[in-house]
Amino acid sequence: MCIRDRIEARLVVDRNGSGPAVRANAVTRIDGREHVFVRVTADTFAAREVVLGVFDGDYYEIRSGVEEGDEVVVAGTFLLKSALVRGDG
């Protein structure tokens, strides 16, 4: 099974007029900064640095780094981060 078969992405949406938001499990730290993985093509993902805003217990507001409509990985983030750290992606 390839990594992409174990990854789930969700569209970023503006939940309450405050801007885009992502589930907390989508956010990961890389080199001390917050990132999310965004789908680039059907089987390609890229780490994108983000600036977090308000956290409501489930979702982080994203102040910069993603836009409404981006597909952000919400399951499989650890696999992508591991591949990035190993230099596989």
C-alpha atoms as a PDB file:
ATOM      1  CA  MET A   1       0.000   0.000   0.000  1.00  0.00           C
ATOM      2  CA  CYS A   2       1.408   3.376  -0.899  1.00  0.00           C
ATOM      3  CA  ILE A   3       1.349   6.380   1.426  1.00  0.00           C
ATOM      4  CA  ARG A   4      -1.244   8.289  -0.614  1.00  0.00           C
ATOM      5  CA  ASP A   5      -3.747   5.466  -0.019  1.00  0.00           C
ATOM      6  CA  ARG A   6      -3.582   6.240   3.714  1.00  0.00           C
ATOM      7  CA  ILE A   7      -3.992  10.001   3.472  1.00  0.00           C
ATOM      8  CA  GLU A   8      -7.214  11.922   3.809  1.00  0.00           C
ATOM      9  CA  ALA A   9      -7.521  15.572   2.802  1.00  0.00           C
ATOM     10  CA  ARG A  10     -10.296  18.068   3.479  1.00  0.00           C
ATOM     11  CA  LEU A  11     -11.138  21.371   1.893  1.00  0.00           C
ATOM     12  CA  VAL A  12     -10.328  24.409   3.981  1.00  0.00           C
ATOM     13  CA  VAL A  13     -13.452  26.425   4.695  1.00  0.00           C
ATOM     14  CA  ASP A  14     -14.314  29.681   6.375  1.00  0.00           C
ATOM     15  CA  ARG A  15     -16.303  28.365   9.372  1.00  0.00           C
ATOM     16  CA  ASN A  16     -17.668  31.583  10.844  1.00  0.00           C
ATOM     17  CA  GLY A  17     -16.453  34.529   8.822  1.00  0.00           C
ATOM     18  CA  SER A  18     -13.110  34.724  10.621  1.00  0.00           C
ATOM     19  CA  GLY A  19     -11.143  33.070   7.810  1.00  0.00           C
ATOM     20  CA  PRO A  20     -10.040  29.561   6.863  1.00  0.00           C
ATOM     21  CA  ALA A  21      -9.780  26.926   9.580  1.00  0.00           C
ATOM     22  CA  VAL A  22      -8.360  23.402   9.802  1.00  0.00           C
ATOM     23  CA  ARG A  23      -8.793  20.564  12.274  1.00  0.00           C
ATOM     24  CA  ALA A  24      -6.136  20.535  14.973  1.00  0.00           C
ATOM     25  CA  ASN A  25      -4.804  17.148  13.816  1.00  0.00           C
ATOM     26  CA  ALA A  26      -3.861  18.708  10.463  1.00  0.00           C
ATOM     27  CA  VAL A  27      -1.229  20.936  12.094  1.00  0.00           C
ATOM     28  CA  THR A  28       2.294  19.629  12.650  1.00  0.00           C
ATOM     29  CA  ARG A  29       5.555  21.209  13.802  1.00  0.00           C
ATOM     30  CA  ILE A  30       8.529  21.105  11.451  1.00  0.00           C
ATOM     31  CA  ASP A  31      11.752  22.829  12.498  1.00  0.00           C
ATOM     32  CA  GLY A  32       9.901  24.599  15.301  1.00  0.00           C
ATOM     33  CA  ARG A  33       7.248  26.145  13.052  1.00  0.00           C
ATOM     34  CA  GLU A  34       3.640  25.170  12.376  1.00  0.00           C
ATOM     35  CA  HIS A  35       2.847  23.500   9.043  1.00  0.00           C
ATOM     36  CA  VAL A  36       0.059  21.698   7.252  1.00  0.00           C
ATOM     37  CA  PHE A  37       0.339  19.394   4.253  1.00  0.00           C
ATOM     38  CA  VAL A  38      -1.568  20.559   1.193  1.00  0.00           C
ATOM     39  CA  ARG A  39      -2.518  18.417  -1.811  1.00  0.00           C
ATOM     40  CA  VAL A  40      -0.661  19.640  -4.902  1.00  0.00           C
ATOM     41  CA  THR A  41      -1.722  16.888  -7.325  1.00  0.00           C
ATOM     42  CA  ALA A  42      -3.666  13.650  -6.908  1.00  0.00           C
ATOM     43  CA  ASP A  43      -0.645  11.957  -5.319  1.00  0.00           C
ATOM     44  CA  THR A  44       1.643  14.843  -4.334  1.00  0.00           C
ATOM     45  CA  PHE A  45       1.577  16.829  -1.102  1.00  0.00           C
ATOM     46  CA  ALA A  46       3.618  19.798   0.090  1.00  0.00           C
ATOM     47  CA  ALA A  47       4.355  21.080   3.580  1.00  0.00           C
ATOM     48  CA  ARG A  48       3.170  24.661   3.905  1.00  0.00           C
ATOM     49  CA  GLU A  49       4.085  26.902   6.822  1.00  0.00           C
ATOM     50  CA  VAL A  50       1.044  28.494   8.450  1.00  0.00           C
ATOM     51  CA  VAL A  51       0.337  31.209  10.985  1.00  0.00           C
ATOM     52  CA  LEU A  52      -2.271  30.017  13.462  1.00  0.00           C
ATOM     53  CA  GLY A  53      -5.007  32.140  14.959  1.00  0.00           C
ATOM     54  CA  VAL A  54      -7.797  31.288  17.363  1.00  0.00           C
ATOM     55  CA  PHE A  55      -8.203  27.667  18.527  1.00  0.00           C
ATOM     56  CA  ASP A  56     -11.738  26.589  19.460  1.00  0.00           C
ATOM     57  CA  GLY A  57     -10.850  23.155  20.821  1.00  0.00           C
ATOM     58  CA  ASP A  58     -11.245  21.393  17.468  1.00  0.00           C
ATOM     59  CA  TYR A  59     -10.139  23.841  14.783  1.00  0.00           C
ATOM     60  CA  TYR A  60      -7.370  26.386  14.305  1.00  0.00           C
ATOM     61  CA  GLU A  61      -8.027  29.566  12.423  1.00  0.00           C
ATOM     62  CA  ILE A  62      -5.355  29.949   9.741  1.00  0.00           C
ATOM     63  CA  ARG A  63      -4.202  33.548   9.427  1.00  0.00           C
ATOM     64  CA  SER A  64      -1.837  32.833   6.539  1.00  0.00           C
ATOM     65  CA  GLY A  65      -0.423  29.902   4.602  1.00  0.00           C
ATOM     66  CA  VAL A  66      -3.576  28.335   3.164  1.00  0.00           C
ATOM     67  CA  GLU A  67      -6.632  29.633   1.415  1.00  0.00           C
ATOM     68  CA  GLU A  68     -10.242  28.570   1.322  1.00  0.00           C
ATOM     69  CA  GLY A  69     -10.523  25.648  -1.091  1.00  0.00           C
ATOM     70  CA  ASP A  70      -7.028  24.218  -0.450  1.00  0.00           C
ATOM     71  CA  GLU A  71      -7.063  20.510   0.375  1.00  0.00           C
ATOM     72  CA  VAL A  72      -5.287  20.024   3.702  1.00  0.00           C
ATOM     73  CA  VAL A  73      -4.294  16.578   4.979  1.00  0.00           C
ATOM     74  CA  VAL A  74      -6.217  15.604   8.128  1.00  0.00           C
ATOM     75  CA  ALA A  75      -5.258  11.908   8.288  1.00  0.00           C
ATOM     76  CA  GLY A  76      -1.816  10.605   7.410  1.00  0.00           C
ATOM     77  CA  THR A  77       0.078  13.737   8.424  1.00  0.00           C
ATOM     78  CA  PHE A  78       2.587  11.672  10.411  1.00  0.00           C
ATOM     79  CA  LEU A  79       3.382   9.537   7.328  1.00  0.00           C
ATOM     80  CA  LEU A  80       4.009  12.630   5.208  1.00  0.00           C
ATOM     81  CA  LYS A  81       6.136  14.281   7.894  1.00  0.00           C
ATOM     82  CA  SER A  82       8.190  11.082   8.281  1.00  0.00           C
ATOM     83  CA  ALA A  83       8.768  10.928   4.518  1.00  0.00           C
ATOM     84  CA  LEU A  84       9.813  14.585   4.502  1.00  0.00           C
ATOM     85  CA  VAL A  85      12.258  14.125   7.382  1.00  0.00           C
ATOM     86  CA  ARG A  86      13.744  11.013   5.710  1.00  0.00           C
ATOM     87  CA  GLY A  87      14.095  12.938   2.447  1.00  0.00           C
ATOM     88  CA  ASP A  88      11.587  10.760   0.560  1.00  0.00           C
ATOM     89  CA  GLY A  89       9.442  13.692  -0.500  1.00  0.00           C
END
